[in-house]
Each structure stands twice: as C-alpha cells, then as structure tokens.
C-alpha cells in the first residue's frame, strides 16, 4: 500500500492505494483520513472509496475513471475522489514506464479484457 496527503478546499485528507502483489496494479483505493465523522462528506468519501475499489478490482482502467469524474474548466479534479484517481493514474503510468512498451500495451489490453469480463460478471452474478 501507499499513502498520499490530499488537500482539497482547505481540508486535509489521506488517500491510500493498495496494489495487487502479483501485478503491481492498483486494486483498491480509499480515504483513510476523511472529513469529520458523521458528516455528509465523510460518508461520501467512504462510499467513493468502496466504489473506486470495486471498479479497480473489476479491471476498470484508472484512465477511464479519470476521464469519467467531474473536472473543473482548467482540467483539475472537481472533487477529492478525482484527486485520488489522478494519483492512481500517475502510479500506473510510472509502472508502465518501467516496463517495455510492448509489456505496457499487453497490460492495457489485459486490463480492458478483464474489465469486460468483470462488468459482465457484475451484471450476471
């Protein structure tokens, strides 16, 4: 696991990313330090971590998540969830740079195939 401090609208949050030990691909992400307990923001950040982790475990590419979350006009994330997803994207890009390009392309194809299978399994049980 790896942890990052994320400041969003003057709130200090801590995001944690867990990696698949065999592939090194991020498979879970959550906010280990959230907003004040019992607040709406705290609940939303908790739920976002659950949903983000499920998406990663079912093979959704981090870049697809990054393209899907709300963004400000300047391209920056509109929420702390987007901030954490951007960290995941950077982690995946760094890992891919350490591989050869052929291996990185194979990883992307494998993730896309796994995402399709995972989505089908999610809806068919």
N, C-alpha and C. Protein backbone atom coordinates (compact mmCIF):
# COMPACT_ATOMS: atom_id res chain seq x y z
N UNK A 1 0.84 -1.20 0.00
CA UNK A 1 0.00 0.00 0.00
C UNK A 1 0.87 1.25 0.00
N UNK A 2 0.30 2.33 -0.47
CA UNK A 2 0.97 3.63 -0.46
C UNK A 2 -0.05 4.67 -0.05
N UNK A 3 0.41 5.70 0.62
CA UNK A 3 -0.49 6.73 1.16
C UNK A 3 -0.06 8.10 0.66
N UNK A 4 -1.04 8.94 0.35
CA UNK A 4 -0.81 10.31 -0.10
C UNK A 4 -1.67 11.27 0.70
N UNK A 5 -1.11 12.43 0.98
CA UNK A 5 -1.89 13.52 1.57
C UNK A 5 -2.52 14.29 0.44
N UNK A 6 -3.80 14.53 0.56
CA UNK A 6 -4.55 15.25 -0.46
C UNK A 6 -5.22 16.43 0.22
N UNK A 7 -4.90 17.61 -0.26
CA UNK A 7 -5.58 18.80 0.26
C UNK A 7 -6.62 19.21 -0.76
N UNK A 8 -7.84 19.35 -0.30
CA UNK A 8 -8.92 19.75 -1.19
C UNK A 8 -9.80 20.75 -0.47
N UNK A 9 -9.91 21.93 -1.05
CA UNK A 9 -10.70 23.02 -0.46
C UNK A 9 -10.38 23.18 1.02
N UNK A 10 -9.12 23.26 1.32
CA UNK A 10 -8.59 23.50 2.66
C UNK A 10 -8.88 22.37 3.65
N UNK A 11 -9.20 21.20 3.15
CA UNK A 11 -9.37 20.02 4.02
C UNK A 11 -8.21 19.07 3.76
N UNK A 12 -7.62 18.57 4.82
CA UNK A 12 -6.53 17.61 4.72
C UNK A 12 -7.11 16.20 4.75
N UNK A 13 -6.91 15.47 3.67
CA UNK A 13 -7.39 14.10 3.56
C UNK A 13 -6.20 13.19 3.29
N UNK A 14 -6.34 11.93 3.59
CA UNK A 14 -5.30 10.96 3.28
C UNK A 14 -5.90 9.87 2.42
N UNK A 15 -5.32 9.67 1.25
CA UNK A 15 -5.75 8.62 0.35
C UNK A 15 -4.76 7.46 0.39
N UNK A 16 -5.28 6.26 0.37
CA UNK A 16 -4.44 5.06 0.40
C UNK A 16 -4.78 4.20 -0.81
N UNK A 17 -3.71 3.66 -1.42
CA UNK A 17 -3.87 2.80 -2.59
C UNK A 17 -3.25 1.45 -2.26
N UNK A 18 -3.99 0.39 -2.53
CA UNK A 18 -3.49 -0.97 -2.36
C UNK A 18 -3.23 -1.59 -3.73
N UNK A 19 -2.16 -2.36 -3.83
CA UNK A 19 -1.73 -2.92 -5.11
C UNK A 19 -1.85 -4.44 -5.12
N UNK A 20 -2.14 -5.00 -6.28
CA UNK A 20 -2.12 -6.44 -6.46
C UNK A 20 -0.66 -6.89 -6.32
N UNK A 21 -0.38 -7.81 -5.41
CA UNK A 21 1.01 -8.20 -5.17
C UNK A 21 1.67 -8.88 -6.36
N UNK A 22 0.89 -9.51 -7.23
CA UNK A 22 1.45 -10.20 -8.39
C UNK A 22 1.73 -9.27 -9.56
N UNK A 23 0.81 -8.31 -9.78
CA UNK A 23 0.95 -7.46 -10.96
C UNK A 23 1.40 -6.05 -10.65
N UNK A 24 1.24 -5.62 -9.40
CA UNK A 24 1.59 -4.25 -9.03
C UNK A 24 0.55 -3.23 -9.48
N UNK A 25 -0.57 -3.69 -10.01
CA UNK A 25 -1.64 -2.80 -10.47
C UNK A 25 -2.50 -2.38 -9.28
N UNK A 26 -2.87 -1.10 -9.18
CA UNK A 26 -3.75 -0.67 -8.09
C UNK A 26 -5.08 -1.42 -8.13
N UNK A 27 -5.49 -1.97 -6.99
CA UNK A 27 -6.74 -2.73 -6.92
C UNK A 27 -7.68 -2.23 -5.84
N UNK A 28 -7.22 -1.29 -5.02
CA UNK A 28 -8.13 -0.67 -4.06
C UNK A 28 -7.64 0.73 -3.77
N UNK A 29 -8.58 1.58 -3.42
CA UNK A 29 -8.25 2.97 -3.07
C UNK A 29 -9.33 3.46 -2.13
N UNK A 30 -8.89 4.18 -1.11
CA UNK A 30 -9.85 4.70 -0.16
C UNK A 30 -9.24 5.88 0.58
N UNK A 31 -10.08 6.62 1.26
CA UNK A 31 -9.63 7.74 2.07
C UNK A 31 -9.49 7.25 3.50
N UNK A 32 -8.24 7.11 3.96
CA UNK A 32 -8.00 6.63 5.32
C UNK A 32 -8.20 7.73 6.35
N UNK A 33 -8.07 8.97 5.93
CA UNK A 33 -8.44 10.12 6.77
C UNK A 33 -9.44 10.91 5.96
N UNK A 34 -10.64 11.05 6.50
CA UNK A 34 -11.71 11.72 5.76
C UNK A 34 -12.10 12.99 6.51
N UNK A 35 -13.30 13.40 6.28
CA UNK A 35 -13.85 14.59 6.94
C UNK A 35 -14.33 14.22 8.34
N UNK A 36 -14.88 15.19 9.04
CA UNK A 36 -15.39 14.95 10.40
C UNK A 36 -16.40 13.81 10.39
N UNK A 37 -16.22 12.87 11.31
CA UNK A 37 -17.09 11.69 11.40
C UNK A 37 -18.56 12.09 11.47
N UNK A 38 -19.37 11.37 10.74
CA UNK A 38 -20.81 11.61 10.78
C UNK A 38 -21.31 12.67 9.80
N UNK A 39 -20.38 13.35 9.10
CA UNK A 39 -20.81 14.37 8.15
C UNK A 39 -21.11 13.74 6.79
N UNK A 40 -21.83 14.48 5.99
CA UNK A 40 -22.15 14.02 4.65
C UNK A 40 -20.87 13.75 3.86
N UNK A 41 -19.88 14.67 3.94
CA UNK A 41 -18.64 14.49 3.20
C UNK A 41 -17.93 13.22 3.64
N UNK A 42 -17.91 12.93 4.93
CA UNK A 42 -17.28 11.72 5.42
C UNK A 42 -17.94 10.49 4.81
N UNK A 43 -19.25 10.45 4.82
CA UNK A 43 -19.97 9.32 4.23
C UNK A 43 -19.73 9.19 2.74
N UNK A 44 -19.73 10.31 2.04
CA UNK A 44 -19.50 10.28 0.59
C UNK A 44 -18.10 9.78 0.26
N UNK A 45 -17.10 10.22 1.01
CA UNK A 45 -15.73 9.78 0.76
C UNK A 45 -15.57 8.29 1.06
N UNK A 46 -16.22 7.81 2.10
CA UNK A 46 -16.18 6.39 2.42
C UNK A 46 -16.80 5.58 1.27
N UNK A 47 -18.00 5.99 0.85
CA UNK A 47 -18.69 5.29 -0.23
C UNK A 47 -17.90 5.36 -1.54
N UNK A 48 -17.29 6.51 -1.81
CA UNK A 48 -16.49 6.66 -3.02
C UNK A 48 -15.31 5.68 -3.01
N UNK A 49 -14.71 5.48 -1.85
CA UNK A 49 -13.61 4.52 -1.75
C UNK A 49 -14.07 3.10 -2.04
N UNK A 50 -15.24 2.74 -1.56
CA UNK A 50 -15.78 1.41 -1.83
C UNK A 50 -16.02 1.24 -3.33
N UNK A 51 -16.67 2.22 -3.95
CA UNK A 51 -16.97 2.14 -5.37
C UNK A 51 -15.71 2.16 -6.23
N UNK A 52 -14.75 2.99 -5.86
CA UNK A 52 -13.49 3.07 -6.59
C UNK A 52 -12.75 1.73 -6.50
N UNK A 53 -12.72 1.15 -5.31
CA UNK A 53 -12.05 -0.14 -5.13
C UNK A 53 -12.72 -1.23 -5.96
N UNK A 54 -14.05 -1.26 -5.96
CA UNK A 54 -14.76 -2.26 -6.78
C UNK A 54 -14.45 -2.07 -8.26
N UNK A 55 -14.43 -0.83 -8.72
CA UNK A 55 -14.12 -0.56 -10.13
C UNK A 55 -12.72 -1.07 -10.47
N UNK A 56 -11.75 -0.81 -9.61
CA UNK A 56 -10.38 -1.26 -9.86
C UNK A 56 -10.30 -2.79 -9.81
N UNK A 57 -10.99 -3.41 -8.87
CA UNK A 57 -10.94 -4.87 -8.74
C UNK A 57 -11.60 -5.57 -9.93
N UNK A 58 -12.58 -4.92 -10.54
CA UNK A 58 -13.21 -5.49 -11.72
C UNK A 58 -12.50 -5.09 -13.01
N UNK A 59 -11.33 -4.44 -12.87
CA UNK A 59 -10.48 -4.18 -14.02
C UNK A 59 -10.73 -2.89 -14.77
N UNK A 60 -11.49 -1.96 -14.19
CA UNK A 60 -11.69 -0.68 -14.86
C UNK A 60 -10.37 0.07 -14.88
N UNK A 61 -9.88 0.45 -16.07
CA UNK A 61 -8.61 1.18 -16.14
C UNK A 61 -8.72 2.53 -15.42
N UNK A 62 -7.65 2.90 -14.71
CA UNK A 62 -7.64 4.16 -13.98
C UNK A 62 -7.86 5.35 -14.92
N UNK A 63 -7.36 5.25 -16.14
CA UNK A 63 -7.54 6.36 -17.09
C UNK A 63 -9.02 6.53 -17.45
N UNK A 64 -9.77 5.43 -17.52
CA UNK A 64 -11.20 5.53 -17.80
C UNK A 64 -11.92 6.20 -16.64
N UNK A 65 -11.50 5.88 -15.42
CA UNK A 65 -12.08 6.54 -14.24
C UNK A 65 -11.77 8.02 -14.26
N UNK A 66 -10.52 8.36 -14.59
CA UNK A 66 -10.10 9.77 -14.60
C UNK A 66 -10.88 10.57 -15.63
N UNK A 67 -11.20 9.96 -16.75
CA UNK A 67 -11.97 10.65 -17.79
C UNK A 67 -13.44 10.80 -17.41
N UNK A 68 -13.90 9.98 -16.46
CA UNK A 68 -15.32 9.95 -16.12
C UNK A 68 -15.72 10.85 -14.96
N UNK A 69 -14.75 11.27 -14.14
CA UNK A 69 -15.10 12.10 -12.98
C UNK A 69 -15.20 13.56 -13.38
N UNK A 70 -15.88 14.34 -12.54
CA UNK A 70 -16.07 15.76 -12.81
C UNK A 70 -14.73 16.49 -12.78
N UNK A 71 -14.59 17.42 -13.70
CA UNK A 71 -13.39 18.24 -13.82
C UNK A 71 -13.79 19.72 -13.87
N UNK A 72 -12.88 20.55 -13.39
CA UNK A 72 -13.07 21.99 -13.50
C UNK A 72 -12.66 22.44 -14.90
N UNK A 73 -12.92 23.69 -15.22
CA UNK A 73 -12.59 24.20 -16.55
C UNK A 73 -11.12 24.05 -16.88
N UNK A 74 -10.24 24.13 -15.88
CA UNK A 74 -8.80 24.02 -16.13
C UNK A 74 -8.32 22.56 -16.19
N UNK A 75 -9.24 21.61 -16.08
CA UNK A 75 -8.89 20.20 -16.17
C UNK A 75 -8.58 19.54 -14.84
N UNK A 76 -8.49 20.33 -13.78
CA UNK A 76 -8.22 19.76 -12.46
C UNK A 76 -9.47 19.06 -11.93
N UNK A 77 -9.28 18.07 -11.04
CA UNK A 77 -10.43 17.36 -10.49
C UNK A 77 -11.36 18.30 -9.71
N UNK A 78 -12.64 18.02 -9.77
CA UNK A 78 -13.62 18.83 -9.06
C UNK A 78 -13.92 18.27 -7.68
N UNK A 79 -13.26 17.16 -7.31
CA UNK A 79 -13.51 16.56 -6.00
C UNK A 79 -12.26 15.83 -5.52
N UNK A 80 -12.23 15.51 -4.23
CA UNK A 80 -11.09 14.73 -3.72
C UNK A 80 -11.02 13.33 -4.34
N UNK A 81 -12.14 12.80 -4.76
CA UNK A 81 -12.14 11.49 -5.42
C UNK A 81 -11.34 11.58 -6.73
N UNK A 82 -11.58 12.64 -7.48
CA UNK A 82 -10.82 12.85 -8.71
C UNK A 82 -9.34 13.03 -8.43
N UNK A 83 -9.02 13.69 -7.33
CA UNK A 83 -7.61 13.86 -6.94
C UNK A 83 -6.96 12.50 -6.71
N UNK A 84 -7.65 11.62 -5.99
CA UNK A 84 -7.11 10.29 -5.70
C UNK A 84 -6.99 9.48 -6.99
N UNK A 85 -7.96 9.58 -7.86
CA UNK A 85 -7.89 8.87 -9.14
C UNK A 85 -6.69 9.37 -9.95
N UNK A 86 -6.43 10.66 -9.95
CA UNK A 86 -5.26 11.19 -10.66
C UNK A 86 -3.96 10.62 -10.10
N UNK A 87 -3.90 10.42 -8.79
CA UNK A 87 -2.72 9.79 -8.18
C UNK A 87 -2.57 8.36 -8.71
N UNK A 88 -3.69 7.64 -8.80
CA UNK A 88 -3.66 6.27 -9.30
C UNK A 88 -3.16 6.25 -10.74
N UNK A 89 -3.65 7.16 -11.57
CA UNK A 89 -3.22 7.23 -12.97
C UNK A 89 -1.71 7.45 -13.04
N UNK A 90 -1.19 8.36 -12.23
CA UNK A 90 0.25 8.62 -12.22
C UNK A 90 1.03 7.38 -11.79
N UNK A 91 0.51 6.65 -10.82
CA UNK A 91 1.15 5.42 -10.36
C UNK A 91 1.20 4.38 -11.48
N UNK A 92 0.09 4.23 -12.21
CA UNK A 92 0.04 3.27 -13.32
C UNK A 92 1.00 3.69 -14.43
N UNK A 93 1.02 4.99 -14.74
CA UNK A 93 1.93 5.49 -15.78
C UNK A 93 3.38 5.25 -15.39
N UNK A 94 3.71 5.46 -14.14
CA UNK A 94 5.08 5.23 -13.66
C UNK A 94 5.44 3.76 -13.79
N UNK A 95 4.51 2.89 -13.42
CA UNK A 95 4.76 1.45 -13.52
C UNK A 95 4.93 1.05 -14.98
N UNK A 96 4.12 1.61 -15.87
CA UNK A 96 4.22 1.28 -17.29
C UNK A 96 5.52 1.78 -17.90
N UNK A 97 6.03 2.92 -17.43
CA UNK A 97 7.29 3.44 -17.94
C UNK A 97 8.45 2.53 -17.57
N UNK A 98 8.34 1.83 -16.46
CA UNK A 98 9.41 0.94 -16.05
C UNK A 98 9.38 -0.36 -16.85
N UNK A 99 8.23 -0.67 -17.47
CA UNK A 99 8.12 -1.83 -18.36
C UNK A 99 8.50 -1.40 -19.76
N UNK A 100 8.74 -2.37 -20.62
CA UNK A 100 8.94 -2.03 -22.02
C UNK A 100 7.59 -1.64 -22.60
N UNK A 101 7.58 -0.95 -23.75
CA UNK A 101 6.32 -0.51 -24.33
C UNK A 101 5.44 -1.70 -24.70
N UNK A 102 6.03 -2.78 -25.18
CA UNK A 102 5.25 -3.96 -25.54
C UNK A 102 4.53 -4.53 -24.32
N UNK A 103 5.23 -4.57 -23.19
CA UNK A 103 4.62 -5.08 -21.97
C UNK A 103 3.50 -4.16 -21.51
N UNK A 104 3.72 -2.85 -21.63
CA UNK A 104 2.69 -1.88 -21.23
C UNK A 104 1.45 -2.05 -22.09
N UNK A 105 1.62 -2.23 -23.40
CA UNK A 105 0.48 -2.44 -24.29
C UNK A 105 -0.27 -3.71 -23.92
N UNK A 106 0.48 -4.77 -23.57
CA UNK A 106 -0.16 -6.02 -23.16
C UNK A 106 -0.94 -5.82 -21.87
N UNK A 107 -0.39 -5.04 -20.94
CA UNK A 107 -1.09 -4.77 -19.69
C UNK A 107 -2.40 -4.03 -19.94
N UNK A 108 -2.37 -3.04 -20.83
CA UNK A 108 -3.58 -2.27 -21.15
C UNK A 108 -4.63 -3.20 -21.75
N UNK A 109 -4.23 -4.05 -22.70
CA UNK A 109 -5.18 -4.98 -23.31
C UNK A 109 -5.73 -5.95 -22.28
N UNK A 110 -4.86 -6.46 -21.41
CA UNK A 110 -5.30 -7.38 -20.37
C UNK A 110 -6.29 -6.71 -19.43
N UNK A 111 -6.03 -5.45 -19.06
CA UNK A 111 -6.96 -4.72 -18.19
C UNK A 111 -8.29 -4.50 -18.89
N UNK A 112 -8.25 -4.17 -20.19
CA UNK A 112 -9.50 -3.96 -20.93
C UNK A 112 -10.31 -5.25 -20.98
N UNK A 113 -9.64 -6.37 -21.26
CA UNK A 113 -10.33 -7.66 -21.30
C UNK A 113 -10.91 -8.01 -19.94
N UNK A 114 -10.13 -7.79 -18.88
CA UNK A 114 -10.60 -8.09 -17.53
C UNK A 114 -11.78 -7.20 -17.17
N UNK A 115 -11.76 -5.94 -17.60
CA UNK A 115 -12.86 -5.03 -17.30
C UNK A 115 -14.15 -5.52 -17.96
N UNK A 116 -14.05 -5.99 -19.20
CA UNK A 116 -15.24 -6.51 -19.89
C UNK A 116 -15.79 -7.73 -19.18
N UNK A 117 -14.90 -8.66 -18.81
CA UNK A 117 -15.33 -9.86 -18.11
C UNK A 117 -15.93 -9.50 -16.74
N UNK A 118 -15.28 -8.58 -16.02
CA UNK A 118 -15.75 -8.18 -14.70
C UNK A 118 -17.11 -7.51 -14.77
N UNK A 119 -17.30 -6.65 -15.77
CA UNK A 119 -18.58 -5.96 -15.92
C UNK A 119 -19.68 -6.96 -16.21
N UNK A 120 -19.39 -7.93 -17.09
CA UNK A 120 -20.39 -8.95 -17.41
C UNK A 120 -20.74 -9.76 -16.17
N UNK A 121 -19.71 -10.14 -15.38
CA UNK A 121 -19.93 -10.90 -14.15
C UNK A 121 -20.73 -10.10 -13.14
N UNK A 122 -20.46 -8.81 -13.07
CA UNK A 122 -21.16 -7.95 -12.12
C UNK A 122 -22.66 -7.93 -12.41
N UNK A 123 -23.01 -7.91 -13.71
CA UNK A 123 -24.43 -7.81 -14.06
C UNK A 123 -25.13 -9.17 -14.16
N UNK A 124 -24.35 -10.24 -14.34
CA UNK A 124 -24.98 -11.55 -14.47
C UNK A 124 -24.90 -12.38 -13.20
N UNK A 125 -24.08 -11.91 -12.23
CA UNK A 125 -23.97 -12.59 -10.95
C UNK A 125 -23.10 -13.78 -11.08
